[in-house]
Amino acid sequence: MPTLTITYQTPEERRAYERAIAFVAEMHRIDADAPDGGVIDPCESVALSQGRDLLRDTLAAAIQTRAEGVEKRGFPRAGK
């Protein structure tokens, strides 16, 4: 069986990769379990809920990381 090696910088980045891999695995599980001609609806449902959550959380983490980097360089965050 093929393997995948991922290099990451932070524990948060590792968790994001793990979530993305779990999302893809879930989509494949749904595909395998769905009856012929019935895969689109369950896959779409997962994509719209879990996929949206994954994208939102990944974006929020990227913004937070950027904000923390700006603070470390001495620039205050907006609103502070």
Protein backbone atom coordinates (compact mmCIF):
# COMPACT_ATOMS: atom_id res chain seq x y z
CA MET A 1 0.00 0.00 0.00
CA PRO A 2 1.37 3.45 -0.88
CA THR A 3 2.25 5.85 1.93
CA LEU A 4 2.27 9.61 2.23
CA THR A 5 4.82 11.70 4.10
CA ILE A 6 3.84 15.22 5.09
CA THR A 7 6.17 17.80 6.54
CA TYR A 8 4.56 20.35 8.82
CA GLN A 9 5.80 23.23 10.96
CA THR A 10 3.33 23.38 13.86
CA PRO A 11 0.91 21.09 15.69
CA GLU A 12 -1.93 23.18 14.30
CA GLU A 13 -0.74 22.60 10.75
CA ARG A 14 -0.54 18.86 11.46
CA ARG A 15 -4.13 18.84 12.74
CA ALA A 16 -5.27 20.67 9.60
CA TYR A 17 -3.61 18.05 7.38
CA GLU A 18 -5.15 15.26 9.44
CA ARG A 19 -8.60 16.82 9.10
CA ALA A 20 -8.20 17.16 5.34
CA ILE A 21 -7.11 13.53 5.06
CA ALA A 22 -10.04 12.42 7.22
CA PHE A 23 -12.42 14.43 5.00
CA VAL A 24 -11.15 12.68 1.87
CA ALA A 25 -11.34 9.29 3.59
CA GLU A 26 -14.94 10.00 4.63
CA MET A 27 -15.88 10.92 1.07
CA HIS A 28 -14.40 7.64 -0.18
CA ARG A 29 -16.23 5.70 2.55
CA ILE A 30 -19.52 7.30 1.56
CA ASP A 31 -18.83 6.53 -2.09
CA ALA A 32 -18.10 2.89 -1.28
CA ASP A 33 -21.22 2.50 0.89
CA ALA A 34 -23.68 4.28 -1.38
CA PRO A 35 -25.90 2.25 -3.67
CA ASP A 36 -25.42 2.53 -7.42
CA GLY A 37 -26.83 5.83 -8.59
CA GLY A 38 -27.04 7.20 -5.05
CA VAL A 39 -23.63 8.66 -4.32
CA ILE A 40 -24.11 12.31 -5.23
CA ASP A 41 -26.56 13.31 -2.49
CA PRO A 42 -24.65 11.86 0.48
CA CYS A 43 -21.30 13.11 -0.83
CA GLU A 44 -22.74 16.55 -1.48
CA SER A 45 -24.17 16.65 2.03
CA VAL A 46 -20.79 15.89 3.58
CA ALA A 47 -19.01 18.30 1.25
CA LEU A 48 -21.38 21.12 2.17
CA SER A 49 -21.16 20.56 5.93
CA GLN A 50 -17.75 19.10 6.73
CA GLY A 51 -16.07 20.68 3.72
CA ARG A 52 -17.35 24.12 4.65
CA ASP A 53 -16.18 23.60 8.25
CA LEU A 54 -12.76 22.46 7.07
CA LEU A 55 -12.34 25.48 4.78
CA ARG A 56 -13.60 27.94 7.41
CA ASP A 57 -11.33 26.55 10.13
CA THR A 58 -8.32 26.45 7.82
CA LEU A 59 -8.88 30.07 6.81
CA ALA A 60 -9.33 31.12 10.45
CA ALA A 61 -6.10 29.35 11.43
CA ALA A 62 -4.18 31.02 8.60
CA ILE A 63 -5.48 34.44 9.63
CA GLN A 64 -4.64 33.77 13.29
CA THR A 65 -1.12 32.65 12.41
CA ARG A 66 -0.62 35.78 10.34
CA ALA A 67 -1.95 38.01 13.14
CA GLU A 68 0.36 36.37 15.66
CA GLY A 69 3.31 36.92 13.34
CA VAL A 70 2.42 40.60 12.98
CA GLU A 71 2.16 40.97 16.77
CA LYS A 72 5.59 39.37 17.24
CA ARG A 73 7.07 41.95 14.86
CA GLY A 74 5.67 44.73 17.02
CA PHE A 75 2.57 45.78 15.12
CA PRO A 76 -0.59 45.71 17.21
CA ARG A 77 -3.62 43.86 15.89
CA ALA A 78 -6.51 46.00 14.64
CA GLY A 79 -8.97 46.67 17.43
CA LYS A 80 -6.41 46.33 20.22
